[in-house]
Amino acid sequence: MAEPFKWFSPLGISVAVFLAIGTLWILIGALTVPLLGKGIGPAIIFVSNSTDEAYFGRSPAELLASDPALSKLRTLLLTVIAGFLLLAGVLFLSVAWFGLRQGQTWALTALSVAGILALGFWVLSLLPYARSGIRLTIGDLPPFMWIPALFILPAIILGWIGLR
């Protein structure tokens, strides 16, 4: 008989981390569209006010105010990103809860591959900033990028240990 699931085990902590990543993505995805024109929204184009200004040559607020087409494109792209965050968050929650929590190896594999792919594409999206000599700090990155980047590898390792 299989051992019962325990939250304070390597597998339990792995499940909790994957659930937290999924929840973070759902929250950010759900809040992105309603907050696009409010608060911090107009202060960034992609990363942060200071890094976007260094990369694009003018402050995001100036660029968005002076170029309606850019403002429309930003709204469309951030809406698409929000949708993908919602999609990824729901999938992470579902696979972690219904697969990994049950001790299914396929679930850890799916979550690991998806998480590593997400990190890889975030790195690709940030390369133009780095190639331009712009120093990115953790404070510049959106939380949907840096929080999973910190926790995905420990979640994978703990999940692997927990499934052994």
Protein backbone atom coordinates (compact mmCIF):
# COMPACT_ATOMS: atom_id res chain seq x y z
CA MET A 1 0.00 0.00 0.00
CA ALA A 2 1.26 3.49 -0.87
CA GLU A 3 2.28 5.82 1.92
CA PRO A 4 -0.29 8.58 2.61
CA PHE A 5 0.45 12.07 1.35
CA LYS A 6 2.13 14.37 3.89
CA TRP A 7 2.49 18.11 3.39
CA PHE A 8 5.71 18.28 5.42
CA SER A 9 7.55 15.77 3.27
CA PRO A 10 9.74 16.45 0.22
CA LEU A 11 6.81 15.60 -2.06
CA GLY A 12 4.39 17.70 -0.01
CA ILE A 13 6.67 20.73 -0.10
CA SER A 14 7.15 20.24 -3.86
CA VAL A 15 3.39 20.14 -4.38
CA ALA A 16 2.99 23.26 -2.23
CA VAL A 17 5.60 25.17 -4.25
CA PHE A 18 4.03 24.19 -7.58
CA LEU A 19 0.62 25.20 -6.20
CA ALA A 20 2.05 28.54 -5.05
CA ILE A 21 3.57 29.20 -8.50
CA GLY A 22 0.24 28.36 -10.15
CA THR A 23 -1.64 30.61 -7.73
CA LEU A 24 0.81 33.48 -8.33
CA TRP A 25 0.35 33.17 -12.10
CA ILE A 26 -3.44 33.10 -11.75
CA LEU A 27 -3.46 36.18 -9.51
CA ILE A 28 -1.15 38.19 -11.76
CA GLY A 29 -2.94 37.02 -14.90
CA ALA A 30 -6.35 37.91 -13.47
CA LEU A 31 -5.22 41.35 -12.24
CA THR A 32 -3.22 42.39 -15.31
CA VAL A 33 -6.06 43.45 -17.60
CA PRO A 34 -8.09 45.42 -15.02
CA LEU A 35 -4.92 47.20 -13.82
CA LEU A 36 -3.35 47.99 -17.22
CA GLY A 37 -4.22 51.67 -17.09
CA LYS A 38 -3.94 52.12 -13.33
CA GLY A 39 -1.16 52.31 -10.77
CA ILE A 40 2.06 50.73 -11.93
CA GLY A 41 0.60 49.73 -15.31
CA PRO A 42 1.51 52.83 -17.37
CA ALA A 43 4.94 53.02 -15.71
CA ILE A 44 6.29 49.98 -17.58
CA ILE A 45 6.38 48.62 -21.07
CA PHE A 46 7.84 45.22 -20.26
CA VAL A 47 10.26 45.01 -17.32
CA SER A 48 10.46 48.10 -15.09
CA ASN A 49 10.36 51.86 -15.52
CA SER A 50 14.14 52.33 -15.26
CA THR A 51 15.13 49.36 -17.43
CA ASP A 52 12.48 50.12 -20.05
CA GLU A 53 13.66 53.75 -20.18
CA ALA A 54 17.27 52.62 -20.60
CA TYR A 55 16.30 50.15 -23.34
CA PHE A 56 13.78 52.26 -25.28
CA GLY A 57 15.46 55.66 -24.78
CA ARG A 58 12.52 57.43 -23.16
CA SER A 59 10.33 56.76 -20.15
CA PRO A 60 7.50 54.30 -20.70
CA ALA A 61 4.95 57.00 -19.80
CA GLU A 62 6.38 59.34 -22.48
CA LEU A 63 6.51 56.59 -25.10
CA LEU A 64 2.99 55.38 -24.42
CA ALA A 65 1.56 58.91 -24.37
CA SER A 66 3.31 59.93 -27.60
CA ASP A 67 2.60 56.76 -29.60
CA PRO A 68 -1.00 55.48 -29.51
CA ALA A 69 -0.06 52.48 -31.68
CA LEU A 70 2.59 51.40 -29.17
CA SER A 71 0.09 51.82 -26.35
CA LYS A 72 -2.41 49.63 -28.20
CA LEU A 73 0.25 47.00 -28.95
CA ARG A 74 1.32 46.98 -25.28
CA THR A 75 -2.29 46.45 -24.21
CA LEU A 76 -2.71 43.57 -26.65
CA LEU A 77 0.55 41.88 -25.67
CA LEU A 78 -0.04 42.25 -21.93
CA THR A 79 -3.54 40.83 -22.39
CA VAL A 80 -2.06 37.81 -24.19
CA ILE A 81 0.58 37.39 -21.46
CA ALA A 82 -2.19 37.61 -18.83
CA GLY A 83 -4.13 34.90 -20.64
CA PHE A 84 -1.10 32.63 -20.79
CA LEU A 85 -0.40 33.23 -17.10
CA LEU A 86 -3.98 32.21 -16.29
CA LEU A 87 -3.67 29.14 -18.49
CA ALA A 88 -0.31 28.11 -17.01
CA GLY A 89 -1.53 28.80 -13.47
CA VAL A 90 -4.61 26.63 -13.89
CA LEU A 91 -2.53 23.84 -15.41
CA PHE A 92 0.07 24.04 -12.64
CA LEU A 93 -2.65 23.91 -9.97
CA SER A 94 -4.43 21.01 -11.67
CA VAL A 95 -1.35 18.90 -12.40
CA ALA A 96 0.15 19.52 -8.95
CA TRP A 97 -3.09 18.79 -7.13
CA PHE A 98 -4.46 15.89 -9.13
CA GLY A 99 -1.21 14.34 -10.34
CA LEU A 100 1.84 15.15 -8.25
CA ARG A 101 -0.04 15.04 -4.93
CA GLN A 102 -1.08 11.49 -5.89
CA GLY A 103 2.57 10.55 -6.47
CA GLN A 104 2.38 10.46 -10.27
CA THR A 105 5.76 10.72 -11.99
CA TRP A 106 4.20 12.11 -15.17
CA ALA A 107 2.95 15.10 -13.18
CA LEU A 108 6.41 16.00 -11.92
CA THR A 109 7.77 15.59 -15.44
CA ALA A 110 5.07 17.86 -16.90
CA LEU A 111 5.51 20.52 -14.22
CA SER A 112 9.30 20.40 -14.54
CA VAL A 113 9.34 20.69 -18.33
CA ALA A 114 6.73 23.48 -18.29
CA GLY A 115 8.55 25.42 -15.56
CA ILE A 116 11.94 25.10 -17.23
CA LEU A 117 10.48 26.11 -20.60
CA ALA A 118 8.87 29.18 -19.01
CA LEU A 119 12.20 30.17 -17.45
CA GLY A 120 14.00 29.65 -20.74
CA PHE A 121 11.61 31.87 -22.65
CA TRP A 122 11.79 34.56 -19.96
CA VAL A 123 15.57 34.54 -20.33
CA LEU A 124 15.16 34.90 -24.11
CA SER A 125 12.74 37.81 -23.62
CA LEU A 126 15.23 39.59 -21.35
CA LEU A 127 18.32 39.03 -23.54
CA PRO A 128 17.80 42.25 -25.55
CA TYR A 129 18.12 44.23 -22.31
CA ALA A 130 21.31 42.42 -21.33
CA ARG A 131 22.77 42.73 -24.83
CA SER A 132 22.16 46.47 -24.63
CA GLY A 133 24.25 46.59 -21.46
CA ILE A 134 21.29 47.16 -19.19
CA ARG A 135 21.76 45.60 -15.77
CA LEU A 136 18.66 43.74 -14.61
CA THR A 137 18.13 43.17 -10.91
CA ILE A 138 15.54 40.98 -9.24
CA GLY A 139 13.67 44.17 -8.32
CA ASP A 140 13.31 45.04 -12.01
CA LEU A 141 11.72 41.74 -12.98
CA PRO A 142 7.99 41.08 -12.81
CA PRO A 143 7.13 38.70 -9.94
CA PHE A 144 5.67 36.15 -12.35
CA MET A 145 9.25 35.69 -13.60
CA TRP A 146 11.54 35.91 -10.59
CA ILE A 147 9.49 34.01 -8.00
CA PRO A 148 9.20 30.83 -10.09
CA ALA A 149 12.84 31.27 -11.15
CA LEU A 150 13.88 31.02 -7.50
CA PHE A 151 11.65 28.11 -6.57
CA ILE A 152 11.23 25.87 -9.63
CA LEU A 153 14.51 23.95 -9.20
CA PRO A 154 13.96 23.24 -5.47
CA ALA A 155 10.38 22.13 -6.27
CA ILE A 156 11.66 19.75 -8.96
CA ILE A 157 14.38 18.32 -6.71
CA LEU A 158 12.03 17.87 -3.75
CA GLY A 159 9.45 16.27 -6.00
CA TRP A 160 12.02 13.86 -7.38
CA ILE A 161 13.19 12.97 -3.86
CA GLY A 162 9.59 12.56 -2.74
CA LEU A 163 8.73 10.21 -5.60
CA ARG A 164 11.74 7.92 -4.99
